[in-house]
Amino acid sequence: MDVEMYKDLIRDERGNYYIAVQIEGNELTLVNAFVEASFTPELIYNEEFRNKHKEMEGGFVGKIAMDLLRHDVVMGLKQIDRKLLELSEVEQKYTVNYIDTIEFYRHPAWERKA
């Protein structure tokens, strides 16, 4: 079993989803997939975002990230462009490390503007 970074989803026994952000040999680093989806460049709060998501006024911004994750889960279930793997199976091949979600996680595509 090979895990593809930033693509395949890994589900634990409680129904949490993770995505690999680093693979070095047999060590795999995972981050919560909702956290990953929350840091997509599409969700940078700027004028473009406000114009695109005017209908969300008064709603929950987290819905967008959850919709992105839901899409990835469905694609993983259908094995379209990604896989949905069980954590227990992944742990048989890899030593798994986690990025704690209370740490500041920065998606590599996000560039801080000075």
Protein backbone atom coordinates (compact mmCIF):
# COMPACT_ATOMS: atom_id res chain seq x y z
CA MET A 1 0.00 0.00 0.00
CA ASP A 2 1.32 3.39 -0.99
CA VAL A 3 -0.08 6.63 0.36
CA GLU A 4 -0.14 9.64 -1.95
CA MET A 5 0.55 12.94 -0.19
CA TYR A 6 -2.15 15.63 -0.23
CA LYS A 7 -4.50 13.22 -1.97
CA ASP A 8 -5.40 9.96 -0.22
CA LEU A 9 -7.59 10.15 2.86
CA ILE A 10 -6.97 8.02 5.93
CA ARG A 11 -9.88 7.30 8.28
CA ASP A 12 -9.45 6.30 11.93
CA GLU A 13 -11.77 4.11 13.98
CA ARG A 14 -13.73 7.16 15.18
CA GLY A 15 -14.47 8.50 11.71
CA ASN A 16 -11.83 11.24 11.67
CA TYR A 17 -10.09 11.84 8.37
CA TYR A 18 -6.41 12.62 7.86
CA ILE A 19 -4.22 13.45 4.91
CA ALA A 20 -0.49 12.84 4.52
CA VAL A 21 1.63 15.98 4.39
CA GLN A 22 5.05 14.30 4.56
CA ILE A 23 6.49 10.89 3.75
CA GLU A 24 10.08 9.98 4.56
CA GLY A 25 10.89 6.31 4.10
CA ASN A 26 8.40 4.44 6.25
CA GLU A 27 7.43 7.51 8.34
CA LEU A 28 4.19 9.22 7.50
CA THR A 29 3.08 12.58 8.90
CA LEU A 30 -0.66 13.22 8.95
CA VAL A 31 -2.81 16.26 9.60
CA ASN A 32 -6.54 16.36 10.19
CA ALA A 33 -8.13 16.59 6.72
CA PHE A 34 -10.61 19.28 7.80
CA VAL A 35 -7.73 21.43 9.01
CA GLU A 36 -5.96 20.85 5.68
CA ALA A 37 -9.11 21.82 3.75
CA SER A 38 -9.45 24.96 5.88
CA PHE A 39 -6.08 26.22 4.68
CA THR A 40 -6.75 26.02 0.96
CA PRO A 41 -5.89 29.20 -0.95
CA GLU A 42 -9.58 29.40 -1.96
CA LEU A 43 -10.39 30.29 1.64
CA ILE A 44 -8.07 33.26 2.06
CA TYR A 45 -10.35 36.00 3.33
CA ASN A 46 -10.00 38.82 0.85
CA GLU A 47 -12.16 40.81 -1.57
CA GLU A 48 -12.36 37.92 -4.03
CA PHE A 49 -13.56 35.58 -1.27
CA ARG A 50 -16.17 38.07 -0.05
CA ASN A 51 -17.53 38.55 -3.57
CA LYS A 52 -17.60 34.83 -4.34
CA HIS A 53 -19.32 33.84 -1.09
CA LYS A 54 -21.78 36.70 -0.56
CA GLU A 55 -24.60 34.19 -0.09
CA MET A 56 -22.85 32.88 3.03
CA GLU A 57 -23.35 36.14 4.92
CA GLY A 58 -24.35 35.15 8.44
CA GLY A 59 -23.42 31.50 7.80
CA PHE A 60 -20.56 29.29 8.85
CA VAL A 61 -17.26 29.65 6.97
CA GLY A 62 -16.38 26.09 8.06
CA LYS A 63 -19.08 24.79 5.68
CA ILE A 64 -16.82 25.44 2.70
CA ALA A 65 -13.96 23.36 4.14
CA MET A 66 -16.41 20.62 5.16
CA ASP A 67 -17.84 20.56 1.63
CA LEU A 68 -14.31 20.21 0.23
CA LEU A 69 -13.63 17.33 2.61
CA ARG A 70 -16.98 15.68 1.83
CA HIS A 71 -16.11 15.80 -1.87
CA ASP A 72 -12.75 14.14 -1.21
CA VAL A 73 -14.39 11.43 0.92
CA VAL A 74 -16.90 10.62 -1.84
CA MET A 75 -14.12 10.49 -4.43
CA GLY A 76 -12.12 8.23 -2.10
CA LEU A 77 -15.07 5.91 -1.56
CA LYS A 78 -15.49 5.61 -5.33
CA GLN A 79 -11.70 5.44 -5.78
CA ILE A 80 -11.82 8.30 -8.26
CA ASP A 81 -8.49 10.17 -8.27
CA ARG A 82 -7.70 9.13 -4.66
CA LYS A 83 -8.01 6.34 -2.15
CA LEU A 84 -9.78 6.12 1.20
CA LEU A 85 -7.60 4.06 3.53
CA GLU A 86 -8.13 2.75 7.06
CA LEU A 87 -5.61 3.99 9.64
CA SER A 88 -5.16 0.52 11.12
CA GLU A 89 -3.99 -0.76 7.71
CA VAL A 90 -1.72 2.24 7.10
CA GLU A 91 -0.08 1.70 10.51
CA GLN A 92 0.95 -1.80 9.41
CA LYS A 93 3.25 -0.28 6.77
CA TYR A 94 4.13 3.15 8.16
CA THR A 95 5.17 4.72 11.43
CA VAL A 96 2.55 7.43 11.76
CA ASN A 97 3.15 10.89 13.25
CA TYR A 98 0.55 13.62 13.58
CA ILE A 99 0.61 17.37 13.35
CA ASP A 100 -1.40 18.41 16.39
CA THR A 101 -4.35 20.52 15.31
CA ILE A 102 -3.69 23.04 18.07
CA GLU A 103 -0.39 23.89 16.41
CA PHE A 104 -0.43 26.53 13.71
CA TYR A 105 -0.65 24.51 10.53
CA ARG A 106 0.22 26.28 7.33
CA HIS A 107 -0.64 24.69 4.01
CA PRO A 108 2.43 24.86 1.74
CA ALA A 109 0.42 26.65 -0.97
CA TRP A 110 -0.39 29.51 1.38
CA GLU A 111 2.04 32.40 1.11
CA ARG A 112 2.10 35.02 3.79
CA LYS A 113 1.86 38.51 2.35
CA ALA A 114 4.08 41.01 4.17
